[in-house]
Amino acid sequence: YRLRAEARDRQTKQLLSQYDEERIARLIREMPMDKWSG
């Protein structure tokens, strides 16, 4: 249910379909970290 909720778009589906440390770290920096601090 978490995966379905978050993988609504193609880019996120692809990102969560397999573990890729660098791409996920980039997502974390750009999304929750930068967005929340902003």
ModelCIF file with pLDDT and N, C-alpha, C, O atoms, coordinates in Angstrom:
data_MODEL
#
_entry.id   MODEL 
#
_entity.id                         1 
_entity.type                       polymer 
_entity.pdbx_number_of_molecules   1 
#
_entity_poly.entity_id                      1 
_entity_poly.type                           'polypeptide(L)' 
_entity_poly.nstd_linkage                   no 
_entity_poly.nstd_monomer                   no 
_entity_poly.pdbx_seq_one_letter_code       YRLRAEARDRQTKQLLSQYDEERIARLIREMPMDKWSG 
_entity_poly.pdbx_seq_one_letter_code_can   YRLRAEARDRQTKQLLSQYDEERIARLIREMPMDKWSG 
_entity_poly.pdbx_strand_id                 A 
#
loop_
_entity_poly_seq.entity_id 
_entity_poly_seq.num 
_entity_poly_seq.mon_id 
_entity_poly_seq.hetero 
1 1  TYR n 
1 2  ARG n 
1 3  LEU n 
1 4  ARG n 
1 5  ALA n 
1 6  GLU n 
1 7  ALA n 
1 8  ARG n 
1 9  ASP n 
1 10 ARG n 
1 11 GLN n 
1 12 THR n 
1 13 LYS n 
1 14 GLN n 
1 15 LEU n 
1 16 LEU n 
1 17 SER n 
1 18 GLN n 
1 19 TYR n 
1 20 ASP n 
1 21 GLU n 
1 22 GLU n 
1 23 ARG n 
1 24 ILE n 
1 25 ALA n 
1 26 ARG n 
1 27 LEU n 
1 28 ILE n 
1 29 ARG n 
1 30 GLU n 
1 31 MET n 
1 32 PRO n 
1 33 MET n 
1 34 ASP n 
1 35 LYS n 
1 36 TRP n 
1 37 SER n 
1 38 GLY n 
#
_struct_asym.id          A 
_struct_asym.entity_id   1 
#
loop_
_ma_qa_metric.id 
_ma_qa_metric.mode 
_ma_qa_metric.name 
_ma_qa_metric.software_group_id 
_ma_qa_metric.type 
1 global pLDDT . pLDDT 
2 local  pLDDT . pLDDT 
#
_ma_qa_metric_global.metric_id      1 
_ma_qa_metric_global.metric_value   94.08 
_ma_qa_metric_global.model_id       1 
_ma_qa_metric_global.ordinal_id     1 
#
loop_
_ma_qa_metric_local.label_asym_id 
_ma_qa_metric_local.label_comp_id 
_ma_qa_metric_local.label_seq_id 
_ma_qa_metric_local.metric_id 
_ma_qa_metric_local.metric_value 
_ma_qa_metric_local.model_id 
_ma_qa_metric_local.ordinal_id 
A TYR 1  2 95.00 1 1  
A ARG 2  2 96.00 1 2  
A LEU 3  2 94.00 1 3  
A ARG 4  2 93.00 1 4  
A ALA 5  2 94.00 1 5  
A GLU 6  2 94.00 1 6  
A ALA 7  2 90.00 1 7  
A ARG 8  2 88.00 1 8  
A ASP 9  2 87.00 1 9  
A ARG 10 2 89.00 1 10 
A GLN 11 2 87.00 1 11 
A THR 12 2 90.00 1 12 
A LYS 13 2 91.00 1 13 
A GLN 14 2 91.00 1 14 
A LEU 15 2 91.00 1 15 
A LEU 16 2 93.00 1 16 
A SER 17 2 92.00 1 17 
A GLN 18 2 93.00 1 18 
A TYR 19 2 96.00 1 19 
A ASP 20 2 97.00 1 20 
A GLU 21 2 97.00 1 21 
A GLU 22 2 97.00 1 22 
A ARG 23 2 96.00 1 23 
A ILE 24 2 97.00 1 24 
A ALA 25 2 97.00 1 25 
A ARG 26 2 96.00 1 26 
A LEU 27 2 95.00 1 27 
A ILE 28 2 97.00 1 28 
A ARG 29 2 97.00 1 29 
A GLU 30 2 95.00 1 30 
A MET 31 2 95.00 1 31 
A PRO 32 2 97.00 1 32 
A MET 33 2 98.00 1 33 
A ASP 34 2 96.00 1 34 
A LYS 35 2 96.00 1 35 
A TRP 36 2 97.00 1 36 
A SER 37 2 96.00 1 37 
A GLY 38 2 95.00 1 38 
#
loop_
_atom_site.group_PDB 
_atom_site.id 
_atom_site.type_symbol 
_atom_site.label_atom_id 
_atom_site.label_alt_id 
_atom_site.label_comp_id 
_atom_site.label_asym_id 
_atom_site.label_entity_id 
_atom_site.label_seq_id 
_atom_site.pdbx_PDB_ins_code 
_atom_site.Cartn_x 
_atom_site.Cartn_y 
_atom_site.Cartn_z 
_atom_site.occupancy 
_atom_site.B_iso_or_equiv 
_atom_site.pdbx_formal_charge 
_atom_site.auth_seq_id 
_atom_site.auth_comp_id 
_atom_site.auth_asym_id 
_atom_site.auth_atom_id 
_atom_site.pdbx_PDB_model_num 
ATOM 1   N N  . TYR A 1 1  ? 0.822  -1.207 0.000   1.00 95.00 ? 1  TYR A N  1 
ATOM 2   C CA . TYR A 1 1  ? 0.000  0.000  0.000   1.00 95.00 ? 1  TYR A CA 1 
ATOM 3   C C  . TYR A 1 1  ? 0.863  1.267  0.000   1.00 95.00 ? 1  TYR A C  1 
ATOM 4   O O  . TYR A 1 1  ? 0.472  2.283  -0.575  1.00 95.00 ? 1  TYR A O  1 
ATOM 5   N N  . ARG A 1 2  ? 2.033  1.210  0.641   1.00 96.00 ? 2  ARG A N  1 
ATOM 6   C CA . ARG A 1 2  ? 2.933  2.363  0.622   1.00 96.00 ? 2  ARG A CA 1 
ATOM 7   C C  . ARG A 1 2  ? 3.524  2.549  -0.769  1.00 96.00 ? 2  ARG A C  1 
ATOM 8   O O  . ARG A 1 2  ? 3.580  3.662  -1.293  1.00 96.00 ? 2  ARG A O  1 
ATOM 9   N N  . LEU A 1 3  ? 3.956  1.460  -1.345  1.00 94.00 ? 3  LEU A N  1 
ATOM 10  C CA . LEU A 1 3  ? 4.541  1.510  -2.680  1.00 94.00 ? 3  LEU A CA 1 
ATOM 11  C C  . LEU A 1 3  ? 3.527  2.032  -3.690  1.00 94.00 ? 3  LEU A C  1 
ATOM 12  O O  . LEU A 1 3  ? 3.860  2.880  -4.519  1.00 94.00 ? 3  LEU A O  1 
ATOM 13  N N  . ARG A 1 4  ? 2.297  1.538  -3.630  1.00 93.00 ? 4  ARG A N  1 
ATOM 14  C CA . ARG A 1 4  ? 1.235  2.006  -4.548  1.00 93.00 ? 4  ARG A CA 1 
ATOM 15  C C  . ARG A 1 4  ? 0.972  3.496  -4.365  1.00 93.00 ? 4  ARG A C  1 
ATOM 16  O O  . ARG A 1 4  ? 0.807  4.228  -5.341  1.00 93.00 ? 4  ARG A O  1 
ATOM 17  N N  . ALA A 1 5  ? 0.935  3.935  -3.124  1.00 94.00 ? 5  ALA A N  1 
ATOM 18  C CA . ALA A 1 5  ? 0.634  5.341  -2.845  1.00 94.00 ? 5  ALA A CA 1 
ATOM 19  C C  . ALA A 1 5  ? 1.715  6.272  -3.370  1.00 94.00 ? 5  ALA A C  1 
ATOM 20  O O  . ALA A 1 5  ? 1.405  7.351  -3.874  1.00 94.00 ? 5  ALA A O  1 
ATOM 21  N N  . GLU A 1 6  ? 2.958  5.881  -3.262  1.00 94.00 ? 6  GLU A N  1 
ATOM 22  C CA . GLU A 1 6  ? 4.056  6.762  -3.669  1.00 94.00 ? 6  GLU A CA 1 
ATOM 23  C C  . GLU A 1 6  ? 4.482  6.591  -5.117  1.00 94.00 ? 6  GLU A C  1 
ATOM 24  O O  . GLU A 1 6  ? 5.000  7.534  -5.714  1.00 94.00 ? 6  GLU A O  1 
ATOM 25  N N  . ALA A 1 7  ? 4.283  5.438  -5.690  1.00 90.00 ? 7  ALA A N  1 
ATOM 26  C CA . ALA A 1 7  ? 4.729  5.184  -7.066  1.00 90.00 ? 7  ALA A CA 1 
ATOM 27  C C  . ALA A 1 7  ? 3.607  5.473  -8.056  1.00 90.00 ? 7  ALA A C  1 
ATOM 28  O O  . ALA A 1 7  ? 3.269  4.641  -8.898  1.00 90.00 ? 7  ALA A O  1 
ATOM 29  N N  . ARG A 1 8  ? 3.043  6.659  -7.936  1.00 88.00 ? 8  ARG A N  1 
ATOM 30  C CA . ARG A 1 8  ? 1.933  7.038  -8.821  1.00 88.00 ? 8  ARG A CA 1 
ATOM 31  C C  . ARG A 1 8  ? 2.416  7.550  -10.167 1.00 88.00 ? 8  ARG A C  1 
ATOM 32  O O  . ARG A 1 8  ? 1.674  7.490  -11.148 1.00 88.00 ? 8  ARG A O  1 
ATOM 33  N N  . ASP A 1 9  ? 3.631  8.047  -10.236 1.00 87.00 ? 9  ASP A N  1 
ATOM 34  C CA . ASP A 1 9  ? 4.156  8.521  -11.514 1.00 87.00 ? 9  ASP A CA 1 
ATOM 35  C C  . ASP A 1 9  ? 5.288  7.602  -11.972 1.00 87.00 ? 9  ASP A C  1 
ATOM 36  O O  . ASP A 1 9  ? 5.866  6.861  -11.176 1.00 87.00 ? 9  ASP A O  1 
ATOM 37  N N  . ARG A 1 10 ? 5.588  7.664  -13.249 1.00 89.00 ? 10 ARG A N  1 
ATOM 38  C CA . ARG A 1 10 ? 6.582  6.759  -13.846 1.00 89.00 ? 10 ARG A CA 1 
ATOM 39  C C  . ARG A 1 10 ? 7.957  6.897  -13.210 1.00 89.00 ? 10 ARG A C  1 
ATOM 40  O O  . ARG A 1 10 ? 8.625  5.896  -12.952 1.00 89.00 ? 10 ARG A O  1 
ATOM 41  N N  . GLN A 1 11 ? 8.379  8.118  -12.959 1.00 87.00 ? 11 GLN A N  1 
ATOM 42  C CA . GLN A 1 11 ? 9.713  8.353  -12.399 1.00 87.00 ? 11 GLN A CA 1 
ATOM 43  C C  . GLN A 1 11 ? 9.849  7.734  -11.004 1.00 87.00 ? 11 GLN A C  1 
ATOM 44  O O  . GLN A 1 11 ? 10.854 7.086  -10.710 1.00 87.00 ? 11 GLN A O  1 
ATOM 45  N N  . THR A 1 12 ? 8.851  7.928  -10.153 1.00 90.00 ? 12 THR A N  1 
ATOM 46  C CA . THR A 1 12 ? 8.916  7.375  -8.803  1.00 90.00 ? 12 THR A CA 1 
ATOM 47  C C  . THR A 1 12 ? 8.796  5.859  -8.835  1.00 90.00 ? 12 THR A C  1 
ATOM 48  O O  . THR A 1 12 ? 9.462  5.162  -8.070  1.00 90.00 ? 12 THR A O  1 
ATOM 49  N N  . LYS A 1 13 ? 7.939  5.347  -9.727  1.00 91.00 ? 13 LYS A N  1 
ATOM 50  C CA . LYS A 1 13 ? 7.809  3.892  -9.883  1.00 91.00 ? 13 LYS A CA 1 
ATOM 51  C C  . LYS A 1 13 ? 9.167  3.276  -10.208 1.00 91.00 ? 13 LYS A C  1 
ATOM 52  O O  . LYS A 1 13 ? 9.577  2.280  -9.613  1.00 91.00 ? 13 LYS A O  1 
ATOM 53  N N  . GLN A 1 14 ? 9.846  3.890  -11.160 1.00 91.00 ? 14 GLN A N  1 
ATOM 54  C CA . GLN A 1 14 ? 11.164 3.390  -11.569 1.00 91.00 ? 14 GLN A CA 1 
ATOM 55  C C  . GLN A 1 14 ? 12.169 3.494  -10.420 1.00 91.00 ? 14 GLN A C  1 
ATOM 56  O O  . GLN A 1 14 ? 12.956 2.576  -10.189 1.00 91.00 ? 14 GLN A O  1 
ATOM 57  N N  . LEU A 1 15 ? 12.134 4.605  -9.714  1.00 91.00 ? 15 LEU A N  1 
ATOM 58  C CA . LEU A 1 15 ? 13.068 4.820  -8.613  1.00 91.00 ? 15 LEU A CA 1 
ATOM 59  C C  . LEU A 1 15 ? 12.876 3.793  -7.504  1.00 91.00 ? 15 LEU A C  1 
ATOM 60  O O  . LEU A 1 15 ? 13.854 3.305  -6.937  1.00 91.00 ? 15 LEU A O  1 
ATOM 61  N N  . LEU A 1 16 ? 11.635 3.461  -7.191  1.00 93.00 ? 16 LEU A N  1 
ATOM 62  C CA . LEU A 1 16 ? 11.355 2.530  -6.098  1.00 93.00 ? 16 LEU A CA 1 
ATOM 63  C C  . LEU A 1 16 ? 11.336 1.067  -6.532  1.00 93.00 ? 16 LEU A C  1 
ATOM 64  O O  . LEU A 1 16 ? 11.207 0.172  -5.697  1.00 93.00 ? 16 LEU A O  1 
ATOM 65  N N  . SER A 1 17 ? 11.464 0.823  -7.834  1.00 92.00 ? 17 SER A N  1 
ATOM 66  C CA . SER A 1 17 ? 11.418 -0.559 -8.319  1.00 92.00 ? 17 SER A CA 1 
ATOM 67  C C  . SER A 1 17 ? 12.688 -1.340 -7.986  1.00 92.00 ? 17 SER A C  1 
ATOM 68  O O  . SER A 1 17 ? 12.651 -2.565 -7.872  1.00 92.00 ? 17 SER A O  1 
ATOM 69  N N  . GLN A 1 18 ? 13.800 -0.642 -7.830  1.00 93.00 ? 18 GLN A N  1 
ATOM 70  C CA . GLN A 1 18 ? 15.038 -1.308 -7.420  1.00 93.00 ? 18 GLN A CA 1 
ATOM 71  C C  . GLN A 1 18 ? 15.893 -0.334 -6.618  1.00 93.00 ? 18 GLN A C  1 
ATOM 72  O O  . GLN A 1 18 ? 15.852 0.878  -6.829  1.00 93.00 ? 18 GLN A O  1 
ATOM 73  N N  . TYR A 1 19 ? 16.650 -0.882 -5.713  1.00 96.00 ? 19 TYR A N  1 
ATOM 74  C CA . TYR A 1 19 ? 17.465 -0.069 -4.821  1.00 96.00 ? 19 TYR A CA 1 
ATOM 75  C C  . TYR A 1 19 ? 18.639 0.538  -5.580  1.00 96.00 ? 19 TYR A C  1 
ATOM 76  O O  . TYR A 1 19 ? 19.459 -0.178 -6.155  1.00 96.00 ? 19 TYR A O  1 
ATOM 77  N N  . ASP A 1 20 ? 18.708 1.867  -5.575  1.00 97.00 ? 20 ASP A N  1 
ATOM 78  C CA . ASP A 1 20 ? 19.816 2.592  -6.184  1.00 97.00 ? 20 ASP A CA 1 
ATOM 79  C C  . ASP A 1 20 ? 20.187 3.703  -5.206  1.00 97.00 ? 20 ASP A C  1 
ATOM 80  O O  . ASP A 1 20 ? 19.549 4.755  -5.164  1.00 97.00 ? 20 ASP A O  1 
ATOM 81  N N  . GLU A 1 21 ? 21.222 3.450  -4.429  1.00 97.00 ? 21 GLU A N  1 
ATOM 82  C CA . GLU A 1 21 ? 21.587 4.343  -3.330  1.00 97.00 ? 21 GLU A CA 1 
ATOM 83  C C  . GLU A 1 21 ? 21.765 5.790  -3.759  1.00 97.00 ? 21 GLU A C  1 
ATOM 84  O O  . GLU A 1 21 ? 21.248 6.695  -3.103  1.00 97.00 ? 21 GLU A O  1 
ATOM 85  N N  . GLU A 1 22 ? 22.476 6.021  -4.833  1.00 97.00 ? 22 GLU A N  1 
ATOM 86  C CA . GLU A 1 22 ? 22.760 7.399  -5.256  1.00 97.00 ? 22 GLU A CA 1 
ATOM 87  C C  . GLU A 1 22 ? 21.492 8.135  -5.701  1.00 97.00 ? 22 GLU A C  1 
ATOM 88  O O  . GLU A 1 22 ? 21.291 9.295  -5.341  1.00 97.00 ? 22 GLU A O  1 
ATOM 89  N N  . ARG A 1 23 ? 20.652 7.477  -6.466  1.00 96.00 ? 23 ARG A N  1 
ATOM 90  C CA . ARG A 1 23 ? 19.417 8.127  -6.945  1.00 96.00 ? 23 ARG A CA 1 
ATOM 91  C C  . ARG A 1 23 ? 18.449 8.403  -5.800  1.00 96.00 ? 23 ARG A C  1 
ATOM 92  O O  . ARG A 1 23 ? 17.793 9.445  -5.774  1.00 96.00 ? 23 ARG A O  1 
ATOM 93  N N  . ILE A 1 24 ? 18.361 7.487  -4.871  1.00 97.00 ? 24 ILE A N  1 
ATOM 94  C CA . ILE A 1 24 ? 17.459 7.687  -3.733  1.00 97.00 ? 24 ILE A CA 1 
ATOM 95  C C  . ILE A 1 24 ? 18.010 8.783  -2.821  1.00 97.00 ? 24 ILE A C  1 
ATOM 96  O O  . ILE A 1 24 ? 17.243 9.596  -2.304  1.00 97.00 ? 24 ILE A O  1 
ATOM 97  N N  . ALA A 1 25 ? 19.308 8.815  -2.621  1.00 97.00 ? 25 ALA A N  1 
ATOM 98  C CA . ALA A 1 25 ? 19.917 9.889  -1.814  1.00 97.00 ? 25 ALA A CA 1 
ATOM 99  C C  . ALA A 1 25 ? 19.648 11.243 -2.457  1.00 97.00 ? 25 ALA A C  1 
ATOM 100 O O  . ALA A 1 25 ? 19.353 12.210 -1.754  1.00 97.00 ? 25 ALA A O  1 
ATOM 101 N N  . ARG A 1 26 ? 19.743 11.328 -3.764  1.00 96.00 ? 26 ARG A N  1 
ATOM 102 C CA . ARG A 1 26 ? 19.460 12.578 -4.472  1.00 96.00 ? 26 ARG A CA 1 
ATOM 103 C C  . ARG A 1 26 ? 17.998 12.987 -4.262  1.00 96.00 ? 26 ARG A C  1 
ATOM 104 O O  . ARG A 1 26 ? 17.705 14.158 -4.020  1.00 96.00 ? 26 ARG A O  1 
ATOM 105 N N  . LEU A 1 27 ? 17.083 12.013 -4.355  1.00 95.00 ? 27 LEU A N  1 
ATOM 106 C CA . LEU A 1 27 ? 15.663 12.284 -4.115  1.00 95.00 ? 27 LEU A CA 1 
ATOM 107 C C  . LEU A 1 27 ? 15.459 12.820 -2.695  1.00 95.00 ? 27 LEU A C  1 
ATOM 108 O O  . LEU A 1 27 ? 14.741 13.801 -2.504  1.00 95.00 ? 27 LEU A O  1 
ATOM 109 N N  . ILE A 1 28 ? 16.073 12.196 -1.714  1.00 97.00 ? 28 ILE A N  1 
ATOM 110 C CA . ILE A 1 28 ? 15.926 12.626 -0.322  1.00 97.00 ? 28 ILE A CA 1 
ATOM 111 C C  . ILE A 1 28 ? 16.442 14.057 -0.149  1.00 97.00 ? 28 ILE A C  1 
ATOM 112 O O  . ILE A 1 28 ? 15.800 14.870 0.517   1.00 97.00 ? 28 ILE A O  1 
ATOM 113 N N  . ARG A 1 29 ? 17.594 14.366 -0.742  1.00 97.00 ? 29 ARG A N  1 
ATOM 114 C CA . ARG A 1 29 ? 18.142 15.727 -0.642  1.00 97.00 ? 29 ARG A CA 1 
ATOM 115 C C  . ARG A 1 29 ? 17.207 16.756 -1.285  1.00 97.00 ? 29 ARG A C  1 
ATOM 116 O O  . ARG A 1 29 ? 16.978 17.829 -0.726  1.00 97.00 ? 29 ARG A O  1 
ATOM 117 N N  . GLU A 1 30 ? 16.666 16.418 -2.471  1.00 95.00 ? 30 GLU A N  1 
ATOM 118 C CA . GLU A 1 30 ? 15.845 17.365 -3.220  1.00 95.00 ? 30 GLU A CA 1 
ATOM 119 C C  . GLU A 1 30 ? 14.420 17.476 -2.684  1.00 95.00 ? 30 GLU A C  1 
ATOM 120 O O  . GLU A 1 30 ? 13.841 18.563 -2.666  1.00 95.00 ? 30 GLU A O  1 
ATOM 121 N N  . MET A 1 31 ? 13.869 16.376 -2.257  1.00 95.00 ? 31 MET A N  1 
ATOM 122 C CA . MET A 1 31 ? 12.465 16.402 -1.844  1.00 95.00 ? 31 MET A CA 1 
ATOM 123 C C  . MET A 1 31 ? 12.334 16.711 -0.350  1.00 95.00 ? 31 MET A C  1 
ATOM 124 O O  . MET A 1 31 ? 12.192 17.879 0.013   1.00 95.00 ? 31 MET A O  1 
ATOM 125 N N  . PRO A 1 32 ? 12.376 15.743 0.490   1.00 97.00 ? 32 PRO A N  1 
ATOM 126 C CA . PRO A 1 32 ? 12.002 16.132 1.855   1.00 97.00 ? 32 PRO A CA 1 
ATOM 127 C C  . PRO A 1 32 ? 12.964 17.122 2.502   1.00 97.00 ? 32 PRO A C  1 
ATOM 128 O O  . PRO A 1 32 ? 12.525 18.022 3.217   1.00 97.00 ? 32 PRO A O  1 
ATOM 129 N N  . MET A 1 33 ? 14.265 16.973 2.266   1.00 98.00 ? 33 MET A N  1 
ATOM 130 C CA . MET A 1 33 ? 15.204 17.862 2.953   1.00 98.00 ? 33 MET A CA 1 
ATOM 131 C C  . MET A 1 33 ? 15.086 19.307 2.467   1.00 98.00 ? 33 MET A C  1 
ATOM 132 O O  . MET A 1 33 ? 14.834 20.210 3.264   1.00 98.00 ? 33 MET A O  1 
ATOM 133 N N  . ASP A 1 34 ? 15.266 19.528 1.168   1.00 96.00 ? 34 ASP A N  1 
ATOM 134 C CA . ASP A 1 34 ? 15.208 20.892 0.646   1.00 96.00 ? 34 ASP A CA 1 
ATOM 135 C C  . ASP A 1 34 ? 13.807 21.486 0.737   1.00 96.00 ? 34 ASP A C  1 
ATOM 136 O O  . ASP A 1 34 ? 13.654 22.655 1.094   1.00 96.00 ? 34 ASP A O  1 
ATOM 137 N N  . LYS A 1 35 ? 12.793 20.702 0.421   1.00 96.00 ? 35 LYS A N  1 
ATOM 138 C CA . LYS A 1 35 ? 11.413 21.214 0.455   1.00 96.00 ? 35 LYS A CA 1 
ATOM 139 C C  . LYS A 1 35 ? 11.010 21.598 1.872   1.00 96.00 ? 35 LYS A C  1 
ATOM 140 O O  . LYS A 1 35 ? 10.429 22.661 2.090   1.00 96.00 ? 35 LYS A O  1 
ATOM 141 N N  . TRP A 1 36 ? 11.318 20.731 2.840   1.00 97.00 ? 36 TRP A N  1 
ATOM 142 C CA . TRP A 1 36 ? 10.915 21.021 4.208   1.00 97.00 ? 36 TRP A CA 1 
ATOM 143 C C  . TRP A 1 36 ? 11.683 22.227 4.750   1.00 97.00 ? 36 TRP A C  1 
ATOM 144 O O  . TRP A 1 36 ? 11.096 23.109 5.376   1.00 97.00 ? 36 TRP A O  1 
ATOM 145 N N  . SER A 1 37 ? 12.990 22.264 4.510   1.00 96.00 ? 37 SER A N  1 
ATOM 146 C CA . SER A 1 37 ? 13.759 23.400 5.030   1.00 96.00 ? 37 SER A CA 1 
ATOM 147 C C  . SER A 1 37 ? 13.329 24.700 4.357   1.00 96.00 ? 37 SER A C  1 
ATOM 148 O O  . SER A 1 37 ? 13.389 25.764 4.974   1.00 96.00 ? 37 SER A O  1 
ATOM 149 N N  . GLY A 1 38 ? 12.898 24.626 3.106   1.00 95.00 ? 38 GLY A N  1 
ATOM 150 C CA . GLY A 1 38 ? 12.440 25.819 2.400   1.00 95.00 ? 38 GLY A CA 1 
ATOM 151 C C  . GLY A 1 38 ? 11.113 26.352 2.900   1.00 95.00 ? 38 GLY A C  1 
ATOM 152 O O  . GLY A 1 38 ? 10.617 27.355 2.386   1.00 95.00 ? 38 GLY A O  1 
#
